[in-house]
Amino acid sequence: MKMSEQVFEFEQSIGQLEKQRGGYFYIRIDATLVDNWPKGRHTRLRCKLDDRVEYSCGLNHLGDGNYFIIIAKKCLGAIGKVVGDAVTVCLYPDPNPLGVAVPEVLQVLMDQDHVVKEYFEKISDGKKRSLIYSIIKIKNVDLAVAKVYHFIEQSMSG
């Protein structure tokens, strides 16, 4: 394993979880590696596979004290790999703690509505990502705004 200023590069075989655990394709991450990151297991990461595919990700518990990151099927296709194949993995902390950009509609809404801004600043990064992913693909601005307010109302009532 090569390590340079919080960048970790290693080779790992691609695994697949059992169907009852989601059947995800994954890369195993050793717990000793996770201890080196600024926020430990809560560190958002960037993952590069075979120097060809790069994406934001988070850590999940493997169940044996170690962790894993999920690899999307489209990423496997892009690098031409299947379960059991070795892949070169490069991991480093994501400079964006959310791991995803705040959509323009949400940013404008926060700039114009202090309630939305205060709510967004108070919630966890995980809830912020959930909100962002729930509106990111909505093309209609009015529907996206309605979704933000609905998300806030649901969170405050339950």
C-alpha atoms as a PDB file:
ATOM      1  CA  MET A   1       0.000   0.000   0.000  1.00  0.00           C
ATOM      2  CA  LYS A   2       1.339   3.433  -0.938  1.00  0.00           C
ATOM      3  CA  MET A   3       0.424   6.335   1.323  1.00  0.00           C
ATOM      4  CA  SER A   4       0.997  10.006   0.664  1.00  0.00           C
ATOM      5  CA  GLU A   5      -0.607  12.901   2.552  1.00  0.00           C
ATOM      6  CA  GLN A   6      -3.896  11.094   3.223  1.00  0.00           C
ATOM      7  CA  VAL A   7      -3.917   9.417  -0.216  1.00  0.00           C
ATOM      8  CA  PHE A   8      -3.962   5.648   0.009  1.00  0.00           C
ATOM      9  CA  GLU A   9      -3.354   3.394  -2.976  1.00  0.00           C
ATOM     10  CA  PHE A  10      -3.635  -0.377  -2.892  1.00  0.00           C
ATOM     11  CA  GLU A  11      -4.787  -3.372  -4.885  1.00  0.00           C
ATOM     12  CA  GLN A  12      -7.892  -5.236  -3.762  1.00  0.00           C
ATOM     13  CA  SER A  13     -10.207  -7.910  -5.142  1.00  0.00           C
ATOM     14  CA  ILE A  14     -13.775  -6.913  -5.900  1.00  0.00           C
ATOM     15  CA  GLY A  15     -16.276  -8.619  -3.635  1.00  0.00           C
ATOM     16  CA  GLN A  16     -20.046  -8.958  -3.569  1.00  0.00           C
ATOM     17  CA  LEU A  17     -22.183  -8.985  -0.455  1.00  0.00           C
ATOM     18  CA  GLU A  18     -24.766 -11.701   0.085  1.00  0.00           C
ATOM     19  CA  LYS A  19     -28.227 -10.963  -1.326  1.00  0.00           C
ATOM     20  CA  GLN A  20     -29.734 -10.489   2.180  1.00  0.00           C
ATOM     21  CA  ARG A  21     -27.152  -7.697   2.763  1.00  0.00           C
ATOM     22  CA  GLY A  22     -28.010  -5.973  -0.530  1.00  0.00           C
ATOM     23  CA  GLY A  23     -25.818  -7.867  -2.981  1.00  0.00           C
ATOM     24  CA  TYR A  24     -23.633  -4.787  -3.475  1.00  0.00           C
ATOM     25  CA  PHE A  25     -20.279  -4.956  -5.243  1.00  0.00           C
ATOM     26  CA  TYR A  26     -17.621  -3.662  -2.896  1.00  0.00           C
ATOM     27  CA  ILE A  27     -14.005  -3.070  -1.968  1.00  0.00           C
ATOM     28  CA  ARG A  28     -12.921  -4.085   1.545  1.00  0.00           C
ATOM     29  CA  ILE A  29     -11.234  -1.336   3.564  1.00  0.00           C
ATOM     30  CA  ASP A  30      -9.078  -2.362   6.521  1.00  0.00           C
ATOM     31  CA  ALA A  31      -9.979  -0.715   9.851  1.00  0.00           C
ATOM     32  CA  THR A  32      -6.336   0.293  10.404  1.00  0.00           C
ATOM     33  CA  LEU A  33      -6.509   2.417   7.244  1.00  0.00           C
ATOM     34  CA  VAL A  34      -9.711   4.118   8.400  1.00  0.00           C
ATOM     35  CA  ASP A  35      -7.986   5.183  11.632  1.00  0.00           C
ATOM     36  CA  ASN A  36      -5.704   7.442   9.539  1.00  0.00           C
ATOM     37  CA  TRP A  37      -8.527   9.609   8.196  1.00  0.00           C
ATOM     38  CA  PRO A  38      -9.521  12.918   9.836  1.00  0.00           C
ATOM     39  CA  LYS A  39     -13.015  11.790  10.869  1.00  0.00           C
ATOM     40  CA  GLY A  40     -12.307   8.064  11.036  1.00  0.00           C
ATOM     41  CA  ARG A  41     -15.219   6.051   9.655  1.00  0.00           C
ATOM     42  CA  HIS A  42     -17.257   9.230   9.173  1.00  0.00           C
ATOM     43  CA  THR A  43     -14.819  10.624   6.591  1.00  0.00           C
ATOM     44  CA  ARG A  44     -16.355  11.146   3.153  1.00  0.00           C
ATOM     45  CA  LEU A  45     -14.016   9.792   0.484  1.00  0.00           C
ATOM     46  CA  ARG A  46     -13.135  10.007  -3.169  1.00  0.00           C
ATOM     47  CA  CYS A  47     -12.399   6.637  -4.737  1.00  0.00           C
ATOM     48  CA  LYS A  48     -10.527   6.111  -7.994  1.00  0.00           C
ATOM     49  CA  LEU A  49     -10.526   2.651  -9.578  1.00  0.00           C
ATOM     50  CA  ASP A  50      -7.740   1.647 -11.997  1.00  0.00           C
ATOM     51  CA  ASP A  51      -7.125   5.366 -12.691  1.00  0.00           C
ATOM     52  CA  ARG A  52     -10.272   5.321 -14.865  1.00  0.00           C
ATOM     53  CA  VAL A  53     -13.365   5.845 -12.698  1.00  0.00           C
ATOM     54  CA  GLU A  54     -13.671   8.250  -9.774  1.00  0.00           C
ATOM     55  CA  TYR A  55     -16.600   8.899  -7.432  1.00  0.00           C
ATOM     56  CA  SER A  56     -17.542  10.094  -3.948  1.00  0.00           C
ATOM     57  CA  CYS A  57     -18.349   7.475  -1.332  1.00  0.00           C
ATOM     58  CA  GLY A  58     -18.711   6.686   2.333  1.00  0.00           C
ATOM     59  CA  LEU A  59     -17.768   3.744   4.508  1.00  0.00           C
ATOM     60  CA  ASN A  60     -20.075   0.929   5.563  1.00  0.00           C
ATOM     61  CA  HIS A  61     -19.481  -1.690   8.263  1.00  0.00           C
ATOM     62  CA  LEU A  62     -18.435  -5.049   6.866  1.00  0.00           C
ATOM     63  CA  GLY A  63     -19.312  -6.852  10.088  1.00  0.00           C
ATOM     64  CA  ASP A  64     -15.853  -8.121  11.001  1.00  0.00           C
ATOM     65  CA  GLY A  65     -14.489  -4.824  12.342  1.00  0.00           C
ATOM     66  CA  ASN A  66     -13.494  -3.650   8.871  1.00  0.00           C
ATOM     67  CA  TYR A  67     -15.343  -1.537   6.320  1.00  0.00           C
ATOM     68  CA  PHE A  68     -16.299  -1.477   2.669  1.00  0.00           C
ATOM     69  CA  ILE A  69     -17.155   0.985  -0.060  1.00  0.00           C
ATOM     70  CA  ILE A  70     -19.786   0.199  -2.642  1.00  0.00           C
ATOM     71  CA  ILE A  71     -18.911   0.006  -6.329  1.00  0.00           C
ATOM     72  CA  ALA A  72     -21.797   0.715  -8.706  1.00  0.00           C
ATOM     73  CA  LYS A  73     -22.374  -1.798 -11.484  1.00  0.00           C
ATOM     74  CA  LYS A  74     -21.792   0.947 -14.068  1.00  0.00           C
ATOM     75  CA  CYS A  75     -18.330   1.586 -12.536  1.00  0.00           C
ATOM     76  CA  LEU A  76     -17.457  -2.097 -12.867  1.00  0.00           C
ATOM     77  CA  GLY A  77     -18.544  -1.974 -16.498  1.00  0.00           C
ATOM     78  CA  ALA A  78     -16.463   1.146 -17.123  1.00  0.00           C
ATOM     79  CA  ILE A  79     -13.292  -0.568 -15.873  1.00  0.00           C
ATOM     80  CA  GLY A  80     -14.186  -3.961 -17.366  1.00  0.00           C
ATOM     81  CA  LYS A  81     -14.019  -5.867 -14.065  1.00  0.00           C
ATOM     82  CA  VAL A  82     -16.141  -8.518 -12.364  1.00  0.00           C
ATOM     83  CA  VAL A  83     -16.329 -10.015  -8.873  1.00  0.00           C
ATOM     84  CA  GLY A  84     -12.988 -11.548  -7.893  1.00  0.00           C
ATOM     85  CA  ASP A  85     -10.908  -9.359 -10.227  1.00  0.00           C
ATOM     86  CA  ALA A  86      -8.164  -7.238  -8.700  1.00  0.00           C
ATOM     87  CA  VAL A  87      -8.514  -3.490  -8.998  1.00  0.00           C
ATOM     88  CA  THR A  88      -6.148  -0.648  -8.108  1.00  0.00           C
ATOM     89  CA  VAL A  89      -7.883   1.557  -5.556  1.00  0.00           C
ATOM     90  CA  CYS A  90      -6.893   5.123  -4.703  1.00  0.00           C
ATOM     91  CA  LEU A  91      -8.713   6.643  -1.711  1.00  0.00           C
ATOM     92  CA  TYR A  92      -8.469  10.084  -0.193  1.00  0.00           C
ATOM     93  CA  PRO A  93     -10.685  12.314   1.940  1.00  0.00           C
ATOM     94  CA  ASP A  94     -13.248  14.186  -0.159  1.00  0.00           C
ATOM     95  CA  PRO A  95     -12.610  17.941   0.046  1.00  0.00           C
ATOM     96  CA  ASN A  96     -16.397  18.380  -0.088  1.00  0.00           C
ATOM     97  CA  PRO A  97     -17.718  17.005   3.239  1.00  0.00           C
ATOM     98  CA  LEU A  98     -21.095  16.303   1.638  1.00  0.00           C
ATOM     99  CA  GLY A  99     -19.594  14.428  -1.290  1.00  0.00           C
ATOM    100  CA  VAL A 100     -22.105  16.087  -3.596  1.00  0.00           C
ATOM    101  CA  ALA A 101     -22.638  19.651  -4.832  1.00  0.00           C
ATOM    102  CA  VAL A 102     -25.557  21.673  -3.468  1.00  0.00           C
ATOM    103  CA  PRO A 103     -27.980  22.120  -6.388  1.00  0.00           C
ATOM    104  CA  GLU A 104     -28.522  25.687  -7.563  1.00  0.00           C
ATOM    105  CA  VAL A 105     -32.229  25.612  -6.695  1.00  0.00           C
ATOM    106  CA  LEU A 106     -31.446  24.690  -3.078  1.00  0.00           C
ATOM    107  CA  GLN A 107     -28.678  27.294  -2.804  1.00  0.00           C
ATOM    108  CA  VAL A 108     -30.953  30.051  -4.145  1.00  0.00           C
ATOM    109  CA  LEU A 109     -33.712  28.936  -1.779  1.00  0.00           C
ATOM    110  CA  MET A 110     -31.320  29.082   1.191  1.00  0.00           C
ATOM    111  CA  ASP A 111     -30.175  32.538   0.101  1.00  0.00           C
ATOM    112  CA  GLN A 112     -33.789  33.757   0.016  1.00  0.00           C
ATOM    113  CA  ASP A 113     -35.404  31.897   2.924  1.00  0.00           C
ATOM    114  CA  HIS A 114     -33.671  31.999   6.302  1.00  0.00           C
ATOM    115  CA  VAL A 115     -35.818  29.114   7.628  1.00  0.00           C
ATOM    116  CA  VAL A 116     -34.523  26.798   4.894  1.00  0.00           C
ATOM    117  CA  LYS A 117     -30.951  27.957   5.488  1.00  0.00           C
ATOM    118  CA  GLU A 118     -31.181  27.459   9.275  1.00  0.00           C
ATOM    119  CA  TYR A 119     -32.741  24.019   8.812  1.00  0.00           C
ATOM    120  CA  PHE A 120     -30.056  22.948   6.319  1.00  0.00           C
ATOM    121  CA  GLU A 121     -27.242  24.130   8.586  1.00  0.00           C
ATOM    122  CA  LYS A 122     -28.666  22.206  11.584  1.00  0.00           C
ATOM    123  CA  ILE A 123     -29.200  18.803   9.995  1.00  0.00           C
ATOM    124  CA  SER A 124     -26.537  16.106   9.708  1.00  0.00           C
ATOM    125  CA  ASP A 125     -24.457  15.708   6.565  1.00  0.00           C
ATOM    126  CA  GLY A 126     -26.333  12.468   5.864  1.00  0.00           C
ATOM    127  CA  LYS A 127     -29.697  14.264   5.912  1.00  0.00           C
ATOM    128  CA  LYS A 128     -28.240  17.029   3.746  1.00  0.00           C
ATOM    129  CA  ARG A 129     -27.221  14.400   1.184  1.00  0.00           C
ATOM    130  CA  SER A 130     -30.685  12.816   1.355  1.00  0.00           C
ATOM    131  CA  LEU A 131     -32.306  16.182   0.655  1.00  0.00           C
ATOM    132  CA  ILE A 132     -29.897  16.926  -2.196  1.00  0.00           C
ATOM    133  CA  TYR A 133     -30.389  13.514  -3.812  1.00  0.00           C
ATOM    134  CA  SER A 134     -34.159  13.868  -3.503  1.00  0.00           C
ATOM    135  CA  ILE A 135     -34.162  17.072  -5.589  1.00  0.00           C
ATOM    136  CA  ILE A 136     -31.093  16.729  -7.797  1.00  0.00           C
ATOM    137  CA  LYS A 137     -32.881  15.087 -10.721  1.00  0.00           C
ATOM    138  CA  ILE A 138     -36.012  17.254 -10.604  1.00  0.00           C
ATOM    139  CA  LYS A 139     -35.893  19.520 -13.656  1.00  0.00           C
ATOM    140  CA  ASN A 140     -38.933  21.634 -12.752  1.00  0.00           C
ATOM    141  CA  VAL A 141     -37.835  24.383 -10.322  1.00  0.00           C
ATOM    142  CA  ASP A 142     -41.292  24.678  -8.702  1.00  0.00           C
ATOM    143  CA  LEU A 143     -41.375  20.922  -8.030  1.00  0.00           C
ATOM    144  CA  ALA A 144     -37.860  21.021  -6.593  1.00  0.00           C
ATOM    145  CA  VAL A 145     -38.782  23.897  -4.261  1.00  0.00           C
ATOM    146  CA  ALA A 146     -41.939  22.061  -3.180  1.00  0.00           C
ATOM    147  CA  LYS A 147     -39.826  18.950  -2.478  1.00  0.00           C
ATOM    148  CA  VAL A 148     -37.459  20.972  -0.242  1.00  0.00           C
ATOM    149  CA  TYR A 149     -40.352  22.369   1.803  1.00  0.00           C
ATOM    150  CA  HIS A 150     -41.997  18.934   1.995  1.00  0.00           C
ATOM    151  CA  PHE A 151     -38.693  17.429   3.233  1.00  0.00           C
ATOM    152  CA  ILE A 152     -38.440  20.100   5.929  1.00  0.00           C
ATOM    153  CA  GLU A 153     -42.069  19.663   7.022  1.00  0.00           C
ATOM    154  CA  GLN A 154     -41.677  15.887   7.267  1.00  0.00           C
ATOM    155  CA  SER A 155     -38.478  16.208   9.285  1.00  0.00           C
ATOM    156  CA  MET A 156     -39.988  18.697  11.706  1.00  0.00           C
ATOM    157  CA  SER A 157     -43.201  16.738  12.253  1.00  0.00           C
ATOM    158  CA  GLY A 158     -41.644  13.336  12.722  1.00  0.00           C
END
